[in-house]
Amino acid sequence: EGIALGTVGHKKVAFVGMERADAVGIYDVTVPTTPVFLQLLKCGDAPEGVLFIPAKDSPTKKSLLVVSSEEDGLVKVYTPSTI
């Protein structure tokens, strides 16, 4: 449904919202021609939008992933620093 790109540590990472799977797929895209699946983040009901906030712009000084859900109306914030 949505995609966000960012840098976590030394990795370029893609966060891919999958509305029907109720999850966000996280991929290392440091080498864009050979993406590597890192993890599946089960985030509840139908992630509609994903937004990456780099550490330099974050109030916590850590990278943040913001996921909004369509059906339940929730906004969830994750710290993807342990990828």
Protein backbone atom coordinates (compact mmCIF):
# COMPACT_ATOMS: atom_id res chain seq x y z
CA GLU A 1 0.00 0.00 0.00
CA GLY A 2 2.79 2.43 0.87
CA ILE A 3 6.57 2.50 0.82
CA ALA A 4 9.17 4.52 2.68
CA LEU A 5 12.94 4.59 2.28
CA GLY A 6 15.53 5.51 4.87
CA THR A 7 18.92 4.80 6.36
CA VAL A 8 19.18 2.81 9.58
CA GLY A 9 22.75 2.48 10.79
CA HIS A 10 24.73 1.86 7.62
CA LYS A 11 21.89 0.20 5.72
CA LYS A 12 19.54 1.71 3.17
CA VAL A 13 16.18 0.24 4.12
CA ALA A 14 12.79 0.00 2.38
CA PHE A 15 9.62 -0.29 4.46
CA VAL A 16 6.81 -1.77 2.37
CA GLY A 17 3.27 -1.54 3.73
CA MET A 18 1.16 -4.59 2.93
CA GLU A 19 -2.44 -3.74 3.69
CA ARG A 20 -3.92 -7.18 3.13
CA ALA A 21 -1.20 -8.90 5.20
CA ASP A 22 -1.53 -6.39 8.08
CA ALA A 23 2.25 -6.02 8.05
CA VAL A 24 5.23 -3.99 6.90
CA GLY A 25 7.99 -5.82 5.03
CA ILE A 26 11.46 -4.51 5.78
CA TYR A 27 14.21 -4.88 3.16
CA ASP A 28 17.88 -3.94 3.00
CA VAL A 29 18.20 -2.09 -0.31
CA THR A 30 21.78 -0.90 0.15
CA VAL A 31 22.48 -2.66 -3.16
CA PRO A 32 19.24 -1.89 -5.03
CA THR A 33 19.63 -4.70 -7.57
CA THR A 34 19.82 -7.32 -4.79
CA PRO A 35 17.38 -6.42 -2.02
CA VAL A 36 17.55 -8.56 1.12
CA PHE A 37 14.48 -9.36 3.22
CA LEU A 38 15.14 -8.44 6.87
CA GLN A 39 11.87 -8.95 8.70
CA LEU A 40 8.10 -8.81 8.64
CA LEU A 41 6.63 -6.35 11.12
CA LYS A 42 3.10 -7.37 12.07
CA CYS A 43 1.57 -3.99 12.82
CA GLY A 44 -2.11 -4.65 13.25
CA ASP A 45 -4.93 -3.67 11.01
CA ALA A 46 -4.28 -2.70 7.37
CA PRO A 47 -1.24 -0.40 7.28
CA GLU A 48 -2.31 2.37 4.92
CA GLY A 49 0.69 4.69 5.12
CA VAL A 50 4.30 4.44 6.20
CA LEU A 51 6.63 7.32 6.99
CA PHE A 52 10.31 7.10 7.89
CA ILE A 53 11.78 9.81 10.12
CA PRO A 54 15.60 9.85 10.18
CA ALA A 55 17.36 10.13 13.54
CA LYS A 56 18.54 13.66 12.78
CA ASP A 57 14.90 14.83 12.46
CA SER A 58 13.48 12.70 15.26
CA PRO A 59 12.56 14.09 18.70
CA THR A 60 14.11 10.94 20.24
CA LYS A 61 17.29 11.23 18.09
CA LYS A 62 16.59 7.67 16.90
CA SER A 63 15.11 6.65 13.55
CA LEU A 64 11.34 6.26 13.65
CA LEU A 65 8.86 4.40 11.47
CA VAL A 66 5.31 5.76 11.60
CA VAL A 67 2.54 3.45 10.38
CA SER A 68 -1.07 4.54 10.00
CA SER A 69 -3.86 1.98 9.85
CA GLU A 70 -6.93 2.29 7.70
CA GLU A 71 -9.55 0.29 9.56
CA ASP A 72 -8.76 0.96 13.24
CA GLY A 73 -7.58 4.55 12.74
CA LEU A 74 -4.44 4.04 14.83
CA VAL A 75 -1.01 5.53 14.26
CA LYS A 76 1.87 3.40 15.53
CA VAL A 77 5.48 4.51 15.98
CA TYR A 78 8.37 2.03 15.85
CA THR A 79 12.11 2.48 16.43
CA PRO A 80 13.79 0.44 13.68
CA SER A 81 17.28 0.71 15.14
CA THR A 82 17.67 -3.03 15.76
CA ILE A 83 17.33 -4.15 12.14
